[in-house]
């Protein structure tokens, strides 16, 4: 399939085939071009029902001349882009939220910088190790009174309200301490809580302590099948929430939390002893993750979405 700009010969063939009544797809096939290339060419250069190949060639040449004279990314914008990279925004987040440059341009800049010995590439997220499939080999047994995620109200699946959470615990290869993670489904707000170990008692205390002040927007919780959630009736009672469980080995059933856990690993890697992690550091990680724009949120941040809707809920109830 052809690449690059259309030439005059190709434009004459488009003219002849179009005048003969051929479809855009068949014209593209005859030229060995993508249908979108032909569609764009006709959309830009049709005058009524008439396509003039000479005029189209002239317009294309003028367009390329103008493009070559456009102002490149200036130093100020470049400094802003690099500042966002240094606080762990991805190129896509920078492009979508700020419009400073396209994400393709930012990636090209990063890799050009790397070839010259620069360190911008170190701010890109590393490939994450595949998580082990839970519930298949560790023999943790069944949870008493476990309710399947399939029993959740339909509103949970729709993500139409604030207050439906997904929860898990993140382990370290060193020590017994774990970090309990809680992700709100609508806003994707991601909260962290420290637990001295993975016992149900301590994990329950961590969840209730972290979400206690937000209990008015805690309606449901969907948990992983770990035994650290064995005291789920206590969690539900303390927060006024219904607790459900994903199927063993089916992390996609609480995908928002699983994705957020992957992002969290950048700051809480497996080789870190979580017993050395301070509350201030956990708060910093939370803010780092929740203040990034997200494409799925139309490049708003989880913190913006949660704050707006939380304040609205408070206003309605007061």
Protein backbone atom coordinates (compact mmCIF):
# COMPACT_ATOMS: atom_id res chain seq x y z
CA UNK A 1 0.00 0.00 0.00
CA UNK A 2 1.34 3.42 -0.98
CA UNK A 3 2.56 5.96 1.57
CA UNK A 4 3.42 9.64 1.49
CA UNK A 5 1.78 12.47 -0.41
CA UNK A 6 -0.32 11.86 -3.52
CA UNK A 7 1.42 12.88 -6.74
CA UNK A 8 -0.08 14.48 -9.85
CA UNK A 9 -0.31 11.16 -11.71
CA UNK A 10 -2.33 9.64 -8.87
CA UNK A 11 -4.60 12.68 -8.78
CA UNK A 12 -5.36 12.29 -12.50
CA UNK A 13 -6.28 8.65 -11.88
CA UNK A 14 -8.56 9.71 -9.01
CA UNK A 15 -10.19 12.23 -11.35
CA UNK A 16 -10.82 9.64 -14.06
CA UNK A 17 -12.15 6.93 -11.72
CA UNK A 18 -14.30 9.38 -9.76
CA UNK A 19 -15.85 10.77 -12.94
CA UNK A 20 -16.57 7.18 -14.05
CA UNK A 21 -18.59 6.64 -10.88
CA UNK A 22 -16.23 4.40 -8.92
CA UNK A 23 -16.54 4.33 -5.13
CA UNK A 24 -13.82 5.73 -2.91
CA UNK A 25 -12.92 2.20 -1.82
CA UNK A 26 -12.46 0.96 -5.38
CA UNK A 27 -10.43 4.06 -6.28
CA UNK A 28 -8.19 3.43 -3.28
CA UNK A 29 -7.78 -0.22 -4.30
CA UNK A 30 -6.80 0.79 -7.85
CA UNK A 31 -4.18 3.21 -6.53
CA UNK A 32 -2.89 0.92 -3.80
CA UNK A 33 -3.79 3.56 -1.24
CA UNK A 34 -5.82 3.59 1.97
CA UNK A 35 -9.49 4.47 1.53
CA UNK A 36 -9.02 7.25 4.09
CA UNK A 37 -6.37 8.85 1.83
CA UNK A 38 -8.77 9.04 -1.11
CA UNK A 39 -11.63 10.19 1.11
CA UNK A 40 -9.52 12.99 2.58
CA UNK A 41 -8.30 14.04 -0.88
CA UNK A 42 -11.83 14.35 -2.23
CA UNK A 43 -13.15 16.04 0.88
CA UNK A 44 -10.45 18.70 0.69
CA UNK A 45 -10.54 19.35 -3.03
CA UNK A 46 -14.03 18.70 -4.40
CA UNK A 47 -15.82 21.74 -5.74
CA UNK A 48 -19.45 20.68 -5.85
CA UNK A 49 -19.19 17.35 -7.69
CA UNK A 50 -16.08 18.34 -9.66
CA UNK A 51 -12.54 17.27 -8.80
CA UNK A 52 -9.72 19.14 -10.56
CA UNK A 53 -6.39 17.25 -10.22
CA UNK A 54 -4.24 20.25 -11.24
CA UNK A 55 -5.90 22.51 -8.70
CA UNK A 56 -5.62 19.79 -6.02
CA UNK A 57 -1.89 19.45 -6.72
CA UNK A 58 -1.38 23.21 -6.40
CA UNK A 59 -3.31 23.37 -3.12
CA UNK A 60 -1.33 20.44 -1.72
CA UNK A 61 2.00 22.04 -2.62
CA UNK A 62 0.93 25.33 -1.02
CA UNK A 63 -0.20 23.52 2.11
CA UNK A 64 3.17 21.80 2.50
CA UNK A 65 4.99 25.09 1.98
CA UNK A 66 2.95 26.76 4.71
CA UNK A 67 3.45 23.80 7.04
CA UNK A 68 7.22 23.95 6.63
CA UNK A 69 7.17 27.58 7.74
CA UNK A 70 5.10 27.06 10.87
CA UNK A 71 6.62 27.84 14.22
CA UNK A 72 8.13 24.74 15.84
CA UNK A 73 7.75 23.90 19.52
CA UNK A 74 9.40 26.84 21.24
CA UNK A 75 11.60 26.73 24.32
CA UNK A 76 8.83 27.71 26.72
CA UNK A 77 6.50 24.95 25.57
CA UNK A 78 9.36 22.48 25.58
CA UNK A 79 10.14 23.33 29.21
CA UNK A 80 6.47 22.84 30.12
CA UNK A 81 6.35 19.46 28.37
CA UNK A 82 9.48 18.28 30.15
CA UNK A 83 8.14 19.52 33.49
CA UNK A 84 5.00 17.40 33.03
CA UNK A 85 7.12 14.39 32.12
CA UNK A 86 9.07 14.84 35.34
CA UNK A 87 5.89 14.55 37.41
CA UNK A 88 5.10 11.29 35.59
CA UNK A 89 2.47 12.46 33.11
CA UNK A 90 2.46 10.31 30.00
CA UNK A 91 2.87 11.93 26.54
CA UNK A 92 -0.80 11.17 25.83
CA UNK A 93 -1.88 12.92 29.05
CA UNK A 94 0.25 15.96 28.25
CA UNK A 95 -1.11 16.19 24.72
CA UNK A 96 -4.74 15.68 25.70
CA UNK A 97 -4.81 17.95 28.74
CA UNK A 98 -2.56 20.82 27.61
CA UNK A 99 -2.42 20.79 23.81
CA UNK A 100 1.25 21.75 23.97
CA UNK A 101 2.16 19.15 21.32
CA UNK A 102 0.88 15.87 19.95
CA UNK A 103 1.79 12.73 21.87
CA UNK A 104 3.66 11.47 18.79
CA UNK A 105 5.83 14.60 18.80
CA UNK A 106 6.53 14.21 22.53
CA UNK A 107 7.60 10.58 22.08
CA UNK A 108 9.89 11.57 19.21
CA UNK A 109 11.42 14.29 21.39
CA UNK A 110 11.99 11.82 24.23
CA UNK A 111 13.71 9.27 22.01
CA UNK A 112 15.81 11.93 20.27
CA UNK A 113 16.88 13.14 23.71
CA UNK A 114 17.77 9.55 24.68
CA UNK A 115 19.94 9.10 21.57
CA UNK A 116 21.83 12.23 22.60
CA UNK A 117 22.43 10.85 26.09
CA UNK A 118 19.48 12.58 27.77
CA UNK A 119 17.37 11.09 30.56
CA UNK A 120 13.82 12.04 29.59
CA UNK A 121 13.08 8.42 28.68
CA UNK A 122 13.47 7.47 32.35
CA UNK A 123 10.18 9.24 33.09
CA UNK A 124 8.23 6.88 30.83
CA UNK A 125 6.48 4.10 32.66
CA UNK A 126 8.26 0.79 32.71
CA UNK A 127 6.65 -2.38 31.40
CA UNK A 128 4.97 -4.03 34.32
CA UNK A 129 5.50 -7.60 35.32
CA UNK A 130 2.53 -9.85 34.83
CA UNK A 131 0.66 -10.30 38.08
CA UNK A 132 0.13 -13.83 39.24
CA UNK A 133 -3.40 -15.11 38.86
CA UNK A 134 -4.99 -14.99 42.26
CA UNK A 135 -6.91 -17.78 43.87
CA UNK A 136 -5.44 -20.59 41.76
CA UNK A 137 -2.48 -21.94 43.69
CA UNK A 138 -2.28 -20.43 47.15
CA UNK A 139 -5.08 -22.45 48.72
CA UNK A 140 -6.55 -19.57 50.68
CA UNK A 141 -9.97 -21.21 50.60
CA UNK A 142 -13.44 -19.83 50.21
CA UNK A 143 -14.78 -16.74 51.94
CA UNK A 144 -17.85 -17.16 54.10
CA UNK A 145 -20.92 -15.24 52.93
CA UNK A 146 -19.22 -14.27 49.71
CA UNK A 147 -21.49 -12.49 47.20
CA UNK A 148 -20.55 -12.50 43.52
CA UNK A 149 -19.93 -9.27 41.63
CA UNK A 150 -22.75 -10.40 39.32
CA UNK A 151 -25.23 -9.64 42.12
CA UNK A 152 -24.32 -5.95 42.18
CA UNK A 153 -27.02 -3.41 41.23
CA UNK A 154 -26.97 -2.38 37.58
CA UNK A 155 -26.00 1.17 38.51
CA UNK A 156 -22.56 -0.11 39.52
CA UNK A 157 -21.82 -1.36 36.02
CA UNK A 158 -23.04 1.92 34.51
CA UNK A 159 -20.60 4.01 36.59
CA UNK A 160 -23.33 6.62 36.80
CA UNK A 161 -22.86 7.53 40.45
CA UNK A 162 -20.09 8.20 42.90
CA UNK A 163 -19.51 5.59 45.58
CA UNK A 164 -18.83 2.19 44.01
CA UNK A 165 -15.33 1.03 44.95
CA UNK A 166 -12.95 -1.78 43.97
CA UNK A 167 -10.42 -2.95 46.58
CA UNK A 168 -7.29 -5.06 46.76
CA UNK A 169 -3.99 -5.31 48.62
CA UNK A 170 -0.56 -4.77 47.10
CA UNK A 171 2.26 -6.92 48.47
CA UNK A 172 6.00 -6.50 48.71
CA UNK A 173 8.69 -9.13 48.28
CA UNK A 174 10.13 -7.92 51.57
CA UNK A 175 8.45 -7.95 54.95
CA UNK A 176 4.85 -8.53 55.95
CA UNK A 177 3.40 -5.04 55.45
CA UNK A 178 0.93 -4.46 52.60
CA UNK A 179 -0.71 -1.44 51.02
CA UNK A 180 -4.49 -1.63 50.70
CA UNK A 181 -5.78 0.02 47.52
CA UNK A 182 -9.27 1.42 46.93
CA UNK A 183 -10.43 2.72 43.53
CA UNK A 184 -13.70 4.58 42.97
CA UNK A 185 -15.23 3.34 39.72
CA UNK A 186 -16.77 6.53 38.33
CA UNK A 187 -13.97 9.03 39.04
CA UNK A 188 -11.08 6.49 39.12
CA UNK A 189 -9.92 8.11 42.38
CA UNK A 190 -7.29 5.78 43.87
CA UNK A 191 -6.69 5.72 47.63
CA UNK A 192 -3.98 3.93 49.61
CA UNK A 193 -3.82 2.69 53.19
CA UNK A 194 -1.03 1.02 55.15
CA UNK A 195 -1.54 -2.32 56.90
CA UNK A 196 1.15 -3.87 59.11
CA UNK A 197 0.37 -7.28 57.65
CA UNK A 198 -2.17 -9.09 55.49
CA UNK A 199 -4.39 -10.32 58.28
CA UNK A 200 -8.10 -9.68 57.89
CA UNK A 201 -8.18 -7.68 61.12
CA UNK A 202 -5.51 -5.17 60.11
CA UNK A 203 -6.71 -4.85 56.51
CA UNK A 204 -10.26 -4.21 57.74
CA UNK A 205 -9.00 -1.49 60.07
CA UNK A 206 -7.05 0.13 57.24
CA UNK A 207 -10.08 0.23 54.90
CA UNK A 208 -12.51 1.55 57.50
CA UNK A 209 -10.03 4.18 58.68
CA UNK A 210 -9.31 5.39 55.12
CA UNK A 211 -12.89 5.44 53.84
CA UNK A 212 -14.65 6.32 57.10
CA UNK A 213 -14.76 10.05 56.35
CA UNK A 214 -16.19 9.32 52.89
CA UNK A 215 -18.84 6.81 53.99
CA UNK A 216 -21.61 8.91 52.44
CA UNK A 217 -20.14 8.02 49.05
CA UNK A 218 -19.40 4.37 49.76
CA UNK A 219 -22.29 2.30 48.40
CA UNK A 220 -20.63 -0.90 47.21
CA UNK A 221 -17.20 -2.51 47.30
CA UNK A 222 -15.92 -5.19 44.93
CA UNK A 223 -12.98 -7.09 46.38
CA UNK A 224 -10.33 -9.54 45.33
CA UNK A 225 -10.69 -13.07 46.78
CA UNK A 226 -7.82 -12.80 49.26
CA UNK A 227 -8.47 -13.92 52.83
CA UNK A 228 -7.49 -10.44 53.99
CA UNK A 229 -11.11 -9.55 53.15
CA UNK A 230 -12.58 -12.29 55.34
CA UNK A 231 -14.08 -9.65 57.65
CA UNK A 232 -16.08 -8.13 54.81
CA UNK A 233 -19.31 -8.13 56.88
CA UNK A 234 -17.58 -5.81 59.37
CA UNK A 235 -16.35 -3.56 56.56
CA UNK A 236 -19.84 -3.39 55.09
CA UNK A 237 -21.43 -2.64 58.43
CA UNK A 238 -18.89 0.04 59.37
CA UNK A 239 -19.20 1.87 56.05
CA UNK A 240 -22.84 1.14 55.26
CA UNK A 241 -21.86 -0.64 52.07
CA UNK A 242 -22.58 -3.90 50.27
CA UNK A 243 -19.46 -5.97 49.61
CA UNK A 244 -19.09 -8.21 46.55
CA UNK A 245 -16.28 -10.38 45.20
CA UNK A 246 -14.75 -10.92 41.80
CA UNK A 247 -14.27 -14.47 40.56
CA UNK A 248 -10.92 -16.13 41.37
CA UNK A 249 -8.31 -15.34 38.72
CA UNK A 250 -10.51 -12.71 37.06
CA UNK A 251 -8.82 -9.39 37.80
CA UNK A 252 -10.65 -7.77 34.86
CA UNK A 253 -13.85 -7.88 36.95
CA UNK A 254 -12.30 -5.12 39.07
CA UNK A 255 -10.32 -3.64 36.22
CA UNK A 256 -10.20 -0.02 37.42
CA UNK A 257 -8.42 -1.08 40.60
CA UNK A 258 -6.15 -3.51 38.78
CA UNK A 259 -5.06 -0.80 36.35
CA UNK A 260 -4.48 1.69 39.17
CA UNK A 261 -2.44 -0.90 41.06
CA UNK A 262 -0.18 -1.21 38.04
CA UNK A 263 0.38 2.55 38.05
CA UNK A 264 1.00 2.46 41.80
CA UNK A 265 3.86 -0.01 41.33
CA UNK A 266 5.94 2.80 39.84
CA UNK A 267 6.13 4.27 43.35
CA UNK A 268 5.68 1.12 45.44
CA UNK A 269 7.78 -1.52 43.63
CA UNK A 270 7.92 -5.13 44.75
CA UNK A 271 11.42 -4.82 46.14
CA UNK A 272 10.43 -2.02 48.55
CA UNK A 273 9.83 -2.94 52.18
CA UNK A 274 6.43 -1.37 52.85
CA UNK A 275 7.08 -1.21 56.58
CA UNK A 276 9.41 1.71 55.78
CA UNK A 277 6.72 3.66 53.90
CA UNK A 278 5.45 6.78 55.66
CA UNK A 279 1.91 8.13 55.63
CA UNK A 280 3.25 11.30 54.01
CA UNK A 281 4.73 9.27 51.16
CA UNK A 282 1.44 7.42 50.59
CA UNK A 283 -0.36 10.77 50.45
CA UNK A 284 2.20 12.01 47.92
CA UNK A 285 1.68 8.91 45.73
CA UNK A 286 -2.10 9.34 45.93
CA UNK A 287 -1.85 12.96 44.83
CA UNK A 288 0.56 12.06 42.04
CA UNK A 289 -1.84 9.48 40.62
CA UNK A 290 -5.08 11.39 41.19
CA UNK A 291 -3.87 14.68 39.72
CA UNK A 292 -3.00 13.20 36.33
CA UNK A 293 -5.48 13.84 33.49
CA UNK A 294 -7.10 10.68 32.15
CA UNK A 295 -8.29 10.15 28.58
CA UNK A 296 -11.25 8.10 29.81
CA UNK A 297 -12.29 11.16 31.85
CA UNK A 298 -11.93 13.47 28.83
CA UNK A 299 -8.58 14.54 30.25
CA UNK A 300 -9.95 15.65 33.58
CA UNK A 301 -8.23 14.26 36.66
CA UNK A 302 -9.77 11.73 39.08
CA UNK A 303 -9.45 14.33 41.82
CA UNK A 304 -11.42 16.88 39.79
CA UNK A 305 -14.24 14.45 39.01
CA UNK A 306 -14.48 13.14 42.56
CA UNK A 307 -14.35 16.59 44.17
CA UNK A 308 -17.00 18.05 41.87
CA UNK A 309 -19.46 15.21 42.42
CA UNK A 310 -18.70 14.77 46.12
CA UNK A 311 -19.39 18.45 46.77
CA UNK A 312 -22.59 18.19 44.73
CA UNK A 313 -23.74 15.21 46.80
CA UNK A 314 -23.03 17.10 50.04
CA UNK A 315 -24.96 20.14 48.78
CA UNK A 316 -27.97 18.00 47.82
CA UNK A 317 -28.05 16.20 51.16
CA UNK A 318 -27.60 19.34 53.29
